[in-house]
Amino acid sequence: MVVMEKRTHHYPQTEIQAKMKTVPEMNLTVSARVGLRAADMGQADALVVVQGLPAKIFTGA
């Protein structure tokens, strides 16, 4: 398994969550969809996860 992690966040949490209100608005990449399938998750599951992310995930606090 390959894990990629960015050292700095490129987009503010509020911007990401505001743009991802519905599954079609998530505009997931093919890689993201493949990862979801590998994790036995659907796109609706991913939306729930994104909307539930706490601010500390984005701020590193």
N, C-alpha and C. Protein backbone atom coordinates (compact mmCIF):
# COMPACT_ATOMS: atom_id res chain seq x y z
N MET A 1 0.84 -1.18 0.00
CA MET A 1 0.00 0.00 0.00
C MET A 1 0.89 1.24 0.00
N VAL A 2 0.55 2.19 -0.83
CA VAL A 2 1.28 3.45 -0.91
C VAL A 2 0.47 4.52 -0.21
N VAL A 3 1.10 5.25 0.69
CA VAL A 3 0.43 6.33 1.39
C VAL A 3 1.11 7.63 1.00
N MET A 4 0.32 8.57 0.54
CA MET A 4 0.86 9.88 0.17
C MET A 4 0.26 10.91 1.11
N GLU A 5 1.08 11.76 1.61
CA GLU A 5 0.61 12.79 2.52
C GLU A 5 1.29 14.10 2.18
N LYS A 6 0.51 15.15 2.11
CA LYS A 6 1.07 16.47 1.85
C LYS A 6 1.46 17.10 3.18
N ARG A 7 2.54 17.80 3.18
CA ARG A 7 3.00 18.44 4.42
C ARG A 7 2.18 19.68 4.76
N THR A 8 1.67 20.37 3.75
CA THR A 8 0.85 21.54 4.01
C THR A 8 -0.49 21.38 3.31
N HIS A 9 -1.48 21.99 3.88
CA HIS A 9 -2.83 21.92 3.32
C HIS A 9 -2.95 22.97 2.22
N HIS A 10 -3.57 22.58 1.13
CA HIS A 10 -3.66 23.47 -0.02
C HIS A 10 -4.96 24.25 -0.08
N TYR A 11 -5.98 23.78 0.60
CA TYR A 11 -7.29 24.42 0.56
C TYR A 11 -7.86 24.52 1.96
N PRO A 12 -8.52 25.64 2.26
CA PRO A 12 -9.14 25.78 3.59
C PRO A 12 -10.31 24.80 3.75
N GLN A 13 -10.49 24.32 4.95
CA GLN A 13 -11.56 23.37 5.27
C GLN A 13 -12.92 23.89 4.84
N THR A 14 -13.22 25.12 5.17
CA THR A 14 -14.54 25.66 4.85
C THR A 14 -14.79 25.67 3.34
N GLU A 15 -13.75 25.93 2.57
CA GLU A 15 -13.87 25.94 1.11
C GLU A 15 -14.16 24.53 0.58
N ILE A 16 -13.45 23.57 1.10
CA ILE A 16 -13.64 22.18 0.68
C ILE A 16 -15.04 21.70 1.04
N GLN A 17 -15.42 21.92 2.28
CA GLN A 17 -16.72 21.44 2.72
C GLN A 17 -17.86 22.18 2.02
N ALA A 18 -17.67 23.45 1.71
CA ALA A 18 -18.71 24.21 1.00
C ALA A 18 -18.89 23.71 -0.43
N LYS A 19 -17.81 23.27 -1.05
CA LYS A 19 -17.89 22.77 -2.43
C LYS A 19 -18.39 21.34 -2.50
N MET A 20 -18.36 20.62 -1.40
CA MET A 20 -18.73 19.21 -1.39
C MET A 20 -20.01 19.01 -0.58
N LYS A 21 -21.11 19.47 -1.12
CA LYS A 21 -22.40 19.32 -0.43
C LYS A 21 -23.18 18.12 -0.96
N THR A 22 -22.89 17.70 -2.19
CA THR A 22 -23.57 16.54 -2.77
C THR A 22 -22.51 15.66 -3.44
N VAL A 23 -22.87 14.42 -3.73
CA VAL A 23 -21.92 13.50 -4.37
C VAL A 23 -21.42 14.07 -5.70
N PRO A 24 -22.29 14.54 -6.60
CA PRO A 24 -21.77 15.09 -7.87
C PRO A 24 -20.84 16.29 -7.68
N GLU A 25 -21.08 17.09 -6.65
CA GLU A 25 -20.23 18.26 -6.40
C GLU A 25 -18.85 17.88 -5.88
N MET A 26 -18.69 16.64 -5.43
CA MET A 26 -17.39 16.22 -4.92
C MET A 26 -16.36 16.15 -6.04
N ASN A 27 -16.79 15.86 -7.26
CA ASN A 27 -15.89 15.86 -8.42
C ASN A 27 -14.64 15.02 -8.14
N LEU A 28 -14.85 13.78 -7.70
CA LEU A 28 -13.75 12.90 -7.32
C LEU A 28 -12.91 12.47 -8.52
N THR A 29 -11.62 12.37 -8.31
CA THR A 29 -10.72 11.87 -9.34
C THR A 29 -10.88 10.35 -9.46
N VAL A 30 -10.37 9.80 -10.54
CA VAL A 30 -10.40 8.35 -10.72
C VAL A 30 -9.63 7.68 -9.58
N SER A 31 -8.51 8.25 -9.20
CA SER A 31 -7.72 7.69 -8.09
C SER A 31 -8.52 7.67 -6.80
N ALA A 32 -9.29 8.71 -6.55
CA ALA A 32 -10.11 8.77 -5.35
C ALA A 32 -11.18 7.69 -5.39
N ARG A 33 -11.80 7.51 -6.54
CA ARG A 33 -12.83 6.47 -6.67
C ARG A 33 -12.25 5.07 -6.49
N VAL A 34 -11.06 4.85 -7.04
CA VAL A 34 -10.39 3.55 -6.87
C VAL A 34 -10.09 3.31 -5.39
N GLY A 35 -9.62 4.34 -4.71
CA GLY A 35 -9.34 4.23 -3.28
C GLY A 35 -10.59 3.95 -2.47
N LEU A 36 -11.69 4.57 -2.84
CA LEU A 36 -12.95 4.32 -2.15
C LEU A 36 -13.38 2.87 -2.32
N ARG A 37 -13.28 2.36 -3.54
CA ARG A 37 -13.65 0.96 -3.79
C ARG A 37 -12.75 0.02 -2.98
N ALA A 38 -11.47 0.34 -2.93
CA ALA A 38 -10.52 -0.50 -2.18
C ALA A 38 -10.86 -0.50 -0.68
N ALA A 39 -11.41 0.61 -0.21
CA ALA A 39 -11.79 0.71 1.20
C ALA A 39 -13.23 0.25 1.43
N ASP A 40 -13.84 -0.28 0.38
CA ASP A 40 -15.23 -0.75 0.44
C ASP A 40 -16.17 0.37 0.86
N MET A 41 -15.93 1.56 0.29
CA MET A 41 -16.76 2.73 0.57
C MET A 41 -17.39 3.21 -0.73
N GLY A 42 -18.54 3.83 -0.59
CA GLY A 42 -19.18 4.48 -1.73
C GLY A 42 -18.91 5.97 -1.69
N GLN A 43 -19.29 6.66 -2.75
CA GLN A 43 -19.08 8.10 -2.80
C GLN A 43 -19.90 8.82 -1.73
N ALA A 44 -21.08 8.31 -1.42
CA ALA A 44 -21.88 8.92 -0.36
C ALA A 44 -21.18 8.79 0.99
N ASP A 45 -20.49 7.66 1.20
CA ASP A 45 -19.71 7.49 2.44
C ASP A 45 -18.60 8.54 2.52
N ALA A 46 -17.94 8.77 1.40
CA ALA A 46 -16.86 9.76 1.36
C ALA A 46 -17.39 11.15 1.68
N LEU A 47 -18.57 11.46 1.19
CA LEU A 47 -19.18 12.77 1.45
C LEU A 47 -19.43 12.94 2.95
N VAL A 48 -19.92 11.91 3.60
CA VAL A 48 -20.15 11.96 5.05
C VAL A 48 -18.83 12.20 5.78
N VAL A 49 -17.78 11.53 5.35
CA VAL A 49 -16.47 11.70 5.98
C VAL A 49 -15.97 13.14 5.80
N VAL A 50 -16.02 13.66 4.59
CA VAL A 50 -15.53 15.02 4.32
C VAL A 50 -16.31 16.04 5.14
N GLN A 51 -17.63 15.90 5.17
CA GLN A 51 -18.44 16.86 5.92
C GLN A 51 -18.20 16.76 7.43
N GLY A 52 -17.74 15.61 7.90
CA GLY A 52 -17.51 15.43 9.34
C GLY A 52 -16.09 15.71 9.80
N LEU A 53 -15.20 16.09 8.89
CA LEU A 53 -13.82 16.34 9.29
C LEU A 53 -13.72 17.54 10.23
N PRO A 54 -13.03 17.37 11.34
CA PRO A 54 -12.86 18.50 12.27
C PRO A 54 -11.80 19.47 11.76
N ALA A 55 -11.87 20.69 12.23
CA ALA A 55 -10.95 21.74 11.80
C ALA A 55 -9.49 21.37 12.05
N LYS A 56 -9.21 20.61 13.10
CA LYS A 56 -7.81 20.29 13.43
C LYS A 56 -7.14 19.47 12.32
N ILE A 57 -7.92 18.74 11.53
CA ILE A 57 -7.36 18.00 10.41
C ILE A 57 -6.74 18.98 9.40
N PHE A 58 -7.36 20.12 9.24
CA PHE A 58 -6.91 21.10 8.27
C PHE A 58 -5.88 22.07 8.82
N THR A 59 -5.87 22.27 10.11
CA THR A 59 -4.96 23.24 10.69
C THR A 59 -3.71 22.60 11.28
N GLY A 60 -3.76 21.30 11.45
CA GLY A 60 -2.62 20.62 12.06
C GLY A 60 -2.55 20.79 13.55
N ALA A 61 -3.61 21.35 14.15
CA ALA A 61 -3.63 21.58 15.60
C ALA A 61 -3.83 20.31 16.37
